[in-house]
């Protein structure tokens, strides 16, 4: 279950697919589960594997939980809540 930080529910997304405009794709993909309040993809990649990762925030626990269950395993992505 997604955990709240203030009024936002933050998800960590690992293994983002390579894309010409990753932030645009990232927001669009996760908007299908609920209104994305914030999306962030750091410029640096994971040191260990050189994978792209990012964070998505929702203001609704239901949207966050649906995003976790529906997007985990799409492509090679893994999605987890942030405590």
PDB file of N, CA and C in Angstrom:
ATOM      1  N   UNK A   1       0.837  -1.189   0.000  1.00  0.00           N
ATOM      2  CA  UNK A   1       0.000   0.000   0.000  1.00  0.00           C
ATOM      3  C   UNK A   1       0.879   1.249   0.000  1.00  0.00           C
ATOM      4  N   UNK A   2       0.529   2.213  -0.784  1.00  0.00           N
ATOM      5  CA  UNK A   2       1.299   3.450  -0.883  1.00  0.00           C
ATOM      6  C   UNK A   2       1.210   4.233   0.423  1.00  0.00           C
ATOM      7  N   UNK A   3       2.304   4.840   0.776  1.00  0.00           N
ATOM      8  CA  UNK A   3       2.367   5.631   2.002  1.00  0.00           C
ATOM      9  C   UNK A   3       2.375   7.119   1.664  1.00  0.00           C
ATOM     10  N   UNK A   4       1.752   7.905   2.512  1.00  0.00           N
ATOM     11  CA  UNK A   4       1.631   9.347   2.266  1.00  0.00           C
ATOM     12  C   UNK A   4       2.818  10.101   2.829  1.00  0.00           C
ATOM     13  N   UNK A   5       3.227  11.117   2.131  1.00  0.00           N
ATOM     14  CA  UNK A   5       4.181  12.112   2.616  1.00  0.00           C
ATOM     15  C   UNK A   5       3.432  13.419   2.511  1.00  0.00           C
ATOM     16  N   UNK A   6       2.912  13.886   3.641  1.00  0.00           N
ATOM     17  CA  UNK A   6       2.028  15.036   3.588  1.00  0.00           C
ATOM     18  C   UNK A   6       0.742  14.577   2.947  1.00  0.00           C
ATOM     19  N   UNK A   7       0.341  15.209   1.884  1.00  0.00           N
ATOM     20  CA  UNK A   7      -0.876  14.830   1.163  1.00  0.00           C
ATOM     21  C   UNK A   7      -0.561  14.077  -0.125  1.00  0.00           C
ATOM     22  N   UNK A   8       0.705  13.795  -0.381  1.00  0.00           N
ATOM     23  CA  UNK A   8       1.087  13.127  -1.627  1.00  0.00           C
ATOM     24  C   UNK A   8       1.559  11.700  -1.364  1.00  0.00           C
ATOM     25  N   UNK A   9       1.298  10.825  -2.314  1.00  0.00           N
ATOM     26  CA  UNK A   9       1.719   9.437  -2.253  1.00  0.00           C
ATOM     27  C   UNK A   9       2.799   9.240  -3.308  1.00  0.00           C
ATOM     28  N   UNK A  10       4.010   8.927  -2.874  1.00  0.00           N
ATOM     29  CA  UNK A  10       5.171   8.869  -3.759  1.00  0.00           C
ATOM     30  C   UNK A  10       5.514   7.437  -4.125  1.00  0.00           C
ATOM     31  N   UNK A  11       5.750   7.221  -5.421  1.00  0.00           N
ATOM     32  CA  UNK A  11       6.154   5.919  -5.930  1.00  0.00           C
ATOM     33  C   UNK A  11       7.537   6.028  -6.562  1.00  0.00           C
ATOM     34  N   UNK A  12       8.353   5.020  -6.331  1.00  0.00           N
ATOM     35  CA  UNK A  12       9.669   4.915  -6.946  1.00  0.00           C
ATOM     36  C   UNK A  12       9.539   3.946  -8.124  1.00  0.00           C
ATOM     37  N   UNK A  13       9.968   4.387  -9.298  1.00  0.00           N
ATOM     38  CA  UNK A  13       9.864   3.567 -10.512  1.00  0.00           C
ATOM     39  C   UNK A  13      11.278   3.314 -11.031  1.00  0.00           C
ATOM     40  N   UNK A  14      11.647   2.044 -11.107  1.00  0.00           N
ATOM     41  CA  UNK A  14      12.986   1.659 -11.559  1.00  0.00           C
ATOM     42  C   UNK A  14      12.886   1.016 -12.940  1.00  0.00           C
ATOM     43  N   UNK A  15      13.976   1.047 -13.673  1.00  0.00           N
ATOM     44  CA  UNK A  15      14.060   0.418 -15.002  1.00  0.00           C
ATOM     45  C   UNK A  15      13.167   1.108 -16.024  1.00  0.00           C
ATOM     46  N   UNK A  16      13.150   2.418 -16.026  1.00  0.00           N
ATOM     47  CA  UNK A  16      12.356   3.133 -17.025  1.00  0.00           C
ATOM     48  C   UNK A  16      12.886   2.827 -18.418  1.00  0.00           C
ATOM     49  N   UNK A  17      11.982   2.671 -19.379  1.00  0.00           N
ATOM     50  CA  UNK A  17      12.457   2.404 -20.744  1.00  0.00           C
ATOM     51  C   UNK A  17      13.192   3.614 -21.311  1.00  0.00           C
ATOM     52  N   UNK A  18      14.141   3.343 -22.167  1.00  0.00           N
ATOM     53  CA  UNK A  18      14.847   4.419 -22.855  1.00  0.00           C
ATOM     54  C   UNK A  18      13.862   5.078 -23.812  1.00  0.00           C
ATOM     55  N   UNK A  19      13.858   6.387 -23.837  1.00  0.00           N
ATOM     56  CA  UNK A  19      12.891   7.097 -24.660  1.00  0.00           C
ATOM     57  C   UNK A  19      13.475   8.446 -25.030  1.00  0.00           C
ATOM     58  N   UNK A  20      13.049   9.003 -26.142  1.00  0.00           N
ATOM     59  CA  UNK A  20      13.541  10.310 -26.556  1.00  0.00           C
ATOM     60  C   UNK A  20      13.139  11.410 -25.586  1.00  0.00           C
ATOM     61  N   UNK A  21      11.922  11.328 -25.048  1.00  0.00           N
ATOM     62  CA  UNK A  21      11.434  12.321 -24.093  1.00  0.00           C
ATOM     63  C   UNK A  21      10.871  11.577 -22.888  1.00  0.00           C
ATOM     64  N   UNK A  22      11.735  11.090 -21.991  1.00  0.00           N
ATOM     65  CA  UNK A  22      11.278  10.198 -20.929  1.00  0.00           C
ATOM     66  C   UNK A  22      10.273  10.834 -19.963  1.00  0.00           C
ATOM     67  N   UNK A  23      10.417  12.097 -19.625  1.00  0.00           N
ATOM     68  CA  UNK A  23       9.501  12.704 -18.664  1.00  0.00           C
ATOM     69  C   UNK A  23       8.091  12.808 -19.225  1.00  0.00           C
ATOM     70  N   UNK A  24       7.967  13.144 -20.493  1.00  0.00           N
ATOM     71  CA  UNK A  24       6.661  13.227 -21.129  1.00  0.00           C
ATOM     72  C   UNK A  24       5.988  11.850 -21.140  1.00  0.00           C
ATOM     73  N   UNK A  25       6.729  10.823 -21.536  1.00  0.00           N
ATOM     74  CA  UNK A  25       6.194   9.462 -21.543  1.00  0.00           C
ATOM     75  C   UNK A  25       5.821   9.029 -20.132  1.00  0.00           C
ATOM     76  N   UNK A  26       6.689   9.307 -19.175  1.00  0.00           N
ATOM     77  CA  UNK A  26       6.513   8.932 -17.771  1.00  0.00           C
ATOM     78  C   UNK A  26       5.191   9.487 -17.234  1.00  0.00           C
ATOM     79  N   UNK A  27       4.971  10.792 -17.420  1.00  0.00           N
ATOM     80  CA  UNK A  27       3.724  11.425 -16.963  1.00  0.00           C
ATOM     81  C   UNK A  27       2.501  10.827 -17.662  1.00  0.00           C
ATOM     82  N   UNK A  28       2.586  10.689 -18.958  1.00  0.00           N
ATOM     83  CA  UNK A  28       1.461  10.172 -19.733  1.00  0.00           C
ATOM     84  C   UNK A  28       1.112   8.746 -19.311  1.00  0.00           C
ATOM     85  N   UNK A  29       2.115   7.906 -19.155  1.00  0.00           N
ATOM     86  CA  UNK A  29       1.872   6.522 -18.764  1.00  0.00           C
ATOM     87  C   UNK A  29       1.185   6.448 -17.401  1.00  0.00           C
ATOM     88  N   UNK A  30       1.680   7.190 -16.415  1.00  0.00           N
ATOM     89  CA  UNK A  30       1.137   7.092 -15.061  1.00  0.00           C
ATOM     90  C   UNK A  30      -0.157   7.882 -14.877  1.00  0.00           C
ATOM     91  N   UNK A  31      -0.475   8.801 -15.762  1.00  0.00           N
ATOM     92  CA  UNK A  31      -1.763   9.514 -15.698  1.00  0.00           C
ATOM     93  C   UNK A  31      -2.946   8.589 -15.950  1.00  0.00           C
ATOM     94  N   UNK A  32      -2.725   7.453 -16.576  1.00  0.00           N
ATOM     95  CA  UNK A  32      -3.833   6.523 -16.813  1.00  0.00           C
ATOM     96  C   UNK A  32      -4.357   5.914 -15.514  1.00  0.00           C
ATOM     97  N   UNK A  33      -3.609   6.022 -14.424  1.00  0.00           N
ATOM     98  CA  UNK A  33      -4.031   5.460 -13.141  1.00  0.00           C
ATOM     99  C   UNK A  33      -4.607   6.518 -12.207  1.00  0.00           C
ATOM    100  N   UNK A  34      -4.445   7.775 -12.549  1.00  0.00           N
ATOM    101  CA  UNK A  34      -4.933   8.887 -11.733  1.00  0.00           C
ATOM    102  C   UNK A  34      -4.128  10.131 -12.074  1.00  0.00           C
ATOM    103  N   UNK A  35      -4.582  11.269 -11.581  1.00  0.00           N
ATOM    104  CA  UNK A  35      -3.903  12.535 -11.893  1.00  0.00           C
ATOM    105  C   UNK A  35      -2.533  12.597 -11.209  1.00  0.00           C
ATOM    106  N   UNK A  36      -1.487  12.662 -12.023  1.00  0.00           N
ATOM    107  CA  UNK A  36      -0.125  12.773 -11.506  1.00  0.00           C
ATOM    108  C   UNK A  36       0.097  14.204 -11.035  1.00  0.00           C
ATOM    109  N   UNK A  37       0.506  14.347  -9.791  1.00  0.00           N
ATOM    110  CA  UNK A  37       0.766  15.671  -9.230  1.00  0.00           C
ATOM    111  C   UNK A  37       2.202  16.120  -9.466  1.00  0.00           C
ATOM    112  N   UNK A  38       3.113  15.165  -9.569  1.00  0.00           N
ATOM    113  CA  UNK A  38       4.516  15.505  -9.777  1.00  0.00           C
ATOM    114  C   UNK A  38       5.220  14.287 -10.372  1.00  0.00           C
ATOM    115  N   UNK A  39       6.156  14.536 -11.252  1.00  0.00           N
ATOM    116  CA  UNK A  39       6.979  13.483 -11.843  1.00  0.00           C
ATOM    117  C   UNK A  39       8.412  13.992 -11.904  1.00  0.00           C
ATOM    118  N   UNK A  40       9.349  13.130 -11.551  1.00  0.00           N
ATOM    119  CA  UNK A  40      10.750  13.536 -11.526  1.00  0.00           C
ATOM    120  C   UNK A  40      11.620  12.375 -11.977  1.00  0.00           C
ATOM    121  N   UNK A  41      12.492  12.635 -12.932  1.00  0.00           N
ATOM    122  CA  UNK A  41      13.499  11.664 -13.365  1.00  0.00           C
ATOM    123  C   UNK A  41      14.857  12.335 -13.177  1.00  0.00           C
ATOM    124  N   UNK A  42      15.668  11.850 -12.228  1.00  0.00           N
ATOM    125  CA  UNK A  42      16.992  12.450 -12.013  1.00  0.00           C
ATOM    126  C   UNK A  42      17.874  12.333 -13.254  1.00  0.00           C
ATOM    127  N   UNK A  43      18.738  13.297 -13.430  1.00  0.00           N
ATOM    128  CA  UNK A  43      19.655  13.274 -14.574  1.00  0.00           C
ATOM    129  C   UNK A  43      20.660  12.133 -14.438  1.00  0.00           C
ATOM    130  N   UNK A  44      21.074  11.829 -13.211  1.00  0.00           N
ATOM    131  CA  UNK A  44      22.011  10.729 -12.988  1.00  0.00           C
ATOM    132  C   UNK A  44      21.247   9.422 -12.933  1.00  0.00           C
ATOM    133  N   UNK A  45      21.890   8.393 -13.389  1.00  0.00           N
ATOM    134  CA  UNK A  45      21.292   7.060 -13.380  1.00  0.00           C
ATOM    135  C   UNK A  45      21.847   6.266 -12.207  1.00  0.00           C
ATOM    136  N   UNK A  46      21.260   5.105 -11.973  1.00  0.00           N
ATOM    137  CA  UNK A  46      21.737   4.215 -10.921  1.00  0.00           C
ATOM    138  C   UNK A  46      23.202   3.871 -11.176  1.00  0.00           C
ATOM    139  N   UNK A  47      24.030   4.028 -10.180  1.00  0.00           N
ATOM    140  CA  UNK A  47      25.457   3.740 -10.341  1.00  0.00           C
ATOM    141  C   UNK A  47      25.719   2.270 -10.618  1.00  0.00           C
ATOM    142  N   UNK A  48      24.926   1.432  -9.990  1.00  0.00           N
ATOM    143  CA  UNK A  48      25.152  -0.002 -10.078  1.00  0.00           C
ATOM    144  C   UNK A  48      24.854  -0.545 -11.476  1.00  0.00           C
ATOM    145  N   UNK A  49      23.742  -0.140 -12.061  1.00  0.00           N
ATOM    146  CA  UNK A  49      23.328  -0.777 -13.315  1.00  0.00           C
ATOM    147  C   UNK A  49      23.129   0.181 -14.480  1.00  0.00           C
ATOM    148  N   UNK A  50      23.288   1.467 -14.262  1.00  0.00           N
ATOM    149  CA  UNK A  50      23.087   2.477 -15.301  1.00  0.00           C
ATOM    150  C   UNK A  50      21.639   2.513 -15.789  1.00  0.00           C
ATOM    151  N   UNK A  51      20.702   2.101 -14.927  1.00  0.00           N
ATOM    152  CA  UNK A  51      19.284   2.124 -15.289  1.00  0.00           C
ATOM    153  C   UNK A  51      18.699   3.490 -14.982  1.00  0.00           C
ATOM    154  N   UNK A  52      17.688   3.849 -15.737  1.00  0.00           N
ATOM    155  CA  UNK A  52      16.963   5.101 -15.513  1.00  0.00           C
ATOM    156  C   UNK A  52      15.852   4.840 -14.500  1.00  0.00           C
ATOM    157  N   UNK A  53      15.655   5.790 -13.576  1.00  0.00           N
ATOM    158  CA  UNK A  53      14.605   5.655 -12.577  1.00  0.00           C
ATOM    159  C   UNK A  53      13.937   6.999 -12.355  1.00  0.00           C
ATOM    160  N   UNK A  54      12.809   6.996 -11.653  1.00  0.00           N
ATOM    161  CA  UNK A  54      12.098   8.234 -11.397  1.00  0.00           C
ATOM    162  C   UNK A  54      11.104   8.085 -10.261  1.00  0.00           C
ATOM    163  N   UNK A  55      10.428   9.191  -9.972  1.00  0.00           N
ATOM    164  CA  UNK A  55       9.439   9.241  -8.909  1.00  0.00           C
ATOM    165  C   UNK A  55       8.148   9.838  -9.451  1.00  0.00           C
ATOM    166  N   UNK A  56       7.036   9.271  -9.019  1.00  0.00           N
ATOM    167  CA  UNK A  56       5.706   9.754  -9.384  1.00  0.00           C
ATOM    168  C   UNK A  56       4.960  10.062  -8.092  1.00  0.00           C
ATOM    169  N   UNK A  57       4.193  11.155  -8.088  1.00  0.00           N
ATOM    170  CA  UNK A  57       3.390  11.481  -6.914  1.00  0.00           C
ATOM    171  C   UNK A  57       1.930  11.653  -7.302  1.00  0.00           C
ATOM    172  N   UNK A  58       1.078  11.059  -6.481  1.00  0.00           N
ATOM    173  CA  UNK A  58      -0.376  11.194  -6.595  1.00  0.00           C
ATOM    174  C   UNK A  58      -0.885  11.804  -5.292  1.00  0.00           C
ATOM    175  N   UNK A  59      -2.053  12.428  -5.332  1.00  0.00           N
ATOM    176  CA  UNK A  59      -2.649  12.902  -4.079  1.00  0.00           C
ATOM    177  C   UNK A  59      -3.760  11.960  -3.628  1.00  0.00           C
ATOM    178  N   UNK A  60      -3.835  10.790  -4.211  1.00  0.00           N
ATOM    179  CA  UNK A  60      -4.880   9.815  -3.912  1.00  0.00           C
ATOM    180  C   UNK A  60      -4.230   8.442  -3.704  1.00  0.00           C
ATOM    181  N   UNK A  61      -4.464   7.837  -2.544  1.00  0.00           N
ATOM    182  CA  UNK A  61      -3.883   6.526  -2.248  1.00  0.00           C
ATOM    183  C   UNK A  61      -4.379   5.466  -3.219  1.00  0.00           C
ATOM    184  N   UNK A  62      -5.633   5.549  -3.615  1.00  0.00           N
ATOM    185  CA  UNK A  62      -6.187   4.565  -4.545  1.00  0.00           C
ATOM    186  C   UNK A  62      -5.454   4.602  -5.873  1.00  0.00           C
ATOM    187  N   UNK A  63      -5.224   5.793  -6.424  1.00  0.00           N
ATOM    188  CA  UNK A  63      -4.494   5.925  -7.691  1.00  0.00           C
ATOM    189  C   UNK A  63      -3.082   5.369  -7.554  1.00  0.00           C
ATOM    190  N   UNK A  64      -2.428   5.667  -6.453  1.00  0.00           N
ATOM    191  CA  UNK A  64      -1.065   5.175  -6.234  1.00  0.00           C
ATOM    192  C   UNK A  64      -1.044   3.654  -6.173  1.00  0.00           C
ATOM    193  N   UNK A  65      -1.986   3.067  -5.464  1.00  0.00           N
ATOM    194  CA  UNK A  65      -2.029   1.613  -5.340  1.00  0.00           C
ATOM    195  C   UNK A  65      -2.385   0.935  -6.661  1.00  0.00           C
ATOM    196  N   UNK A  66      -3.273   1.530  -7.441  1.00  0.00           N
ATOM    197  CA  UNK A  66      -3.602   0.991  -8.756  1.00  0.00           C
ATOM    198  C   UNK A  66      -2.369   1.078  -9.662  1.00  0.00           C
ATOM    199  N   UNK A  67      -1.647   2.190  -9.606  1.00  0.00           N
ATOM    200  CA  UNK A  67      -0.434   2.346 -10.417  1.00  0.00           C
ATOM    201  C   UNK A  67       0.592   1.273 -10.072  1.00  0.00           C
ATOM    202  N   UNK A  68       0.741   0.971  -8.791  1.00  0.00           N
ATOM    203  CA  UNK A  68       1.686  -0.074  -8.378  1.00  0.00           C
ATOM    204  C   UNK A  68       1.262  -1.419  -8.958  1.00  0.00           C
ATOM    205  N   UNK A  69       0.009  -1.771  -8.789  1.00  0.00           N
ATOM    206  CA  UNK A  69      -0.430  -3.098  -9.221  1.00  0.00           C
ATOM    207  C   UNK A  69      -0.489  -3.243 -10.739  1.00  0.00           C
ATOM    208  N   UNK A  70      -0.848  -2.192 -11.456  1.00  0.00           N
ATOM    209  CA  UNK A  70      -1.012  -2.295 -12.916  1.00  0.00           C
ATOM    210  C   UNK A  70       0.278  -2.070 -13.709  1.00  0.00           C
ATOM    211  N   UNK A  71       1.231  -1.332 -13.146  1.00  0.00           N
ATOM    212  CA  UNK A  71       2.420  -0.998 -13.934  1.00  0.00           C
ATOM    213  C   UNK A  71       3.634  -1.841 -13.584  1.00  0.00           C
ATOM    214  N   UNK A  72       3.615  -2.514 -12.449  1.00  0.00           N
ATOM    215  CA  UNK A  72       4.738  -3.377 -12.088  1.00  0.00           C
ATOM    216  C   UNK A  72       4.891  -4.462 -13.140  1.00  0.00           C
ATOM    217  N   UNK A  73       6.075  -4.564 -13.712  1.00  0.00           N
ATOM    218  CA  UNK A  73       6.332  -5.582 -14.715  1.00  0.00           C
ATOM    219  C   UNK A  73       6.053  -5.162 -16.141  1.00  0.00           C
ATOM    220  N   UNK A  74       5.504  -3.958 -16.359  1.00  0.00           N
ATOM    221  CA  UNK A  74       5.316  -3.464 -17.730  1.00  0.00           C
ATOM    222  C   UNK A  74       6.707  -3.169 -18.279  1.00  0.00           C
ATOM    223  N   UNK A  75       7.014  -3.762 -19.394  1.00  0.00           N
ATOM    224  CA  UNK A  75       8.391  -3.670 -19.884  1.00  0.00           C
ATOM    225  C   UNK A  75       9.266  -4.345 -18.838  1.00  0.00           C
ATOM    226  N   UNK A  76      10.213  -3.629 -18.307  1.00  0.00           N
ATOM    227  CA  UNK A  76      11.056  -4.146 -17.218  1.00  0.00           C
ATOM    228  C   UNK A  76      10.916  -3.295 -15.962  1.00  0.00           C
ATOM    229  N   UNK A  77       9.888  -2.436 -15.928  1.00  0.00           N
ATOM    230  CA  UNK A  77       9.734  -1.522 -14.797  1.00  0.00           C
ATOM    231  C   UNK A  77       9.367  -2.254 -13.510  1.00  0.00           C
ATOM    232  N   UNK A  78       9.881  -1.706 -12.420  1.00  0.00           N
ATOM    233  CA  UNK A  78       9.444  -2.110 -11.089  1.00  0.00           C
ATOM    234  C   UNK A  78       8.953  -0.846 -10.389  1.00  0.00           C
ATOM    235  N   UNK A  79       7.827  -0.949  -9.700  1.00  0.00           N
ATOM    236  CA  UNK A  79       7.212   0.210  -9.042  1.00  0.00           C
ATOM    237  C   UNK A  79       6.974  -0.137  -7.585  1.00  0.00           C
ATOM    238  N   UNK A  80       7.448   0.733  -6.696  1.00  0.00           N
ATOM    239  CA  UNK A  80       7.295   0.535  -5.259  1.00  0.00           C
ATOM    240  C   UNK A  80       6.903   1.834  -4.597  1.00  0.00           C
ATOM    241  N   UNK A  81       6.232   1.719  -3.452  1.00  0.00           N
ATOM    242  CA  UNK A  81       5.916   2.919  -2.702  1.00  0.00           C
ATOM    243  C   UNK A  81       7.142   3.352  -1.907  1.00  0.00           C
ATOM    244  N   UNK A  82       7.178   4.625  -1.554  1.00  0.00           N
ATOM    245  CA  UNK A  82       8.295   5.197  -0.796  1.00  0.00           C
ATOM    246  C   UNK A  82       7.798   5.443   0.617  1.00  0.00           C
ATOM    247  N   UNK A  83       8.542   4.957   1.601  1.00  0.00           N
ATOM    248  CA  UNK A  83       8.134   5.164   2.995  1.00  0.00           C
ATOM    249  C   UNK A  83       8.787   6.382   3.570  1.00  0.00           C
TER     250      UNK A  83
END
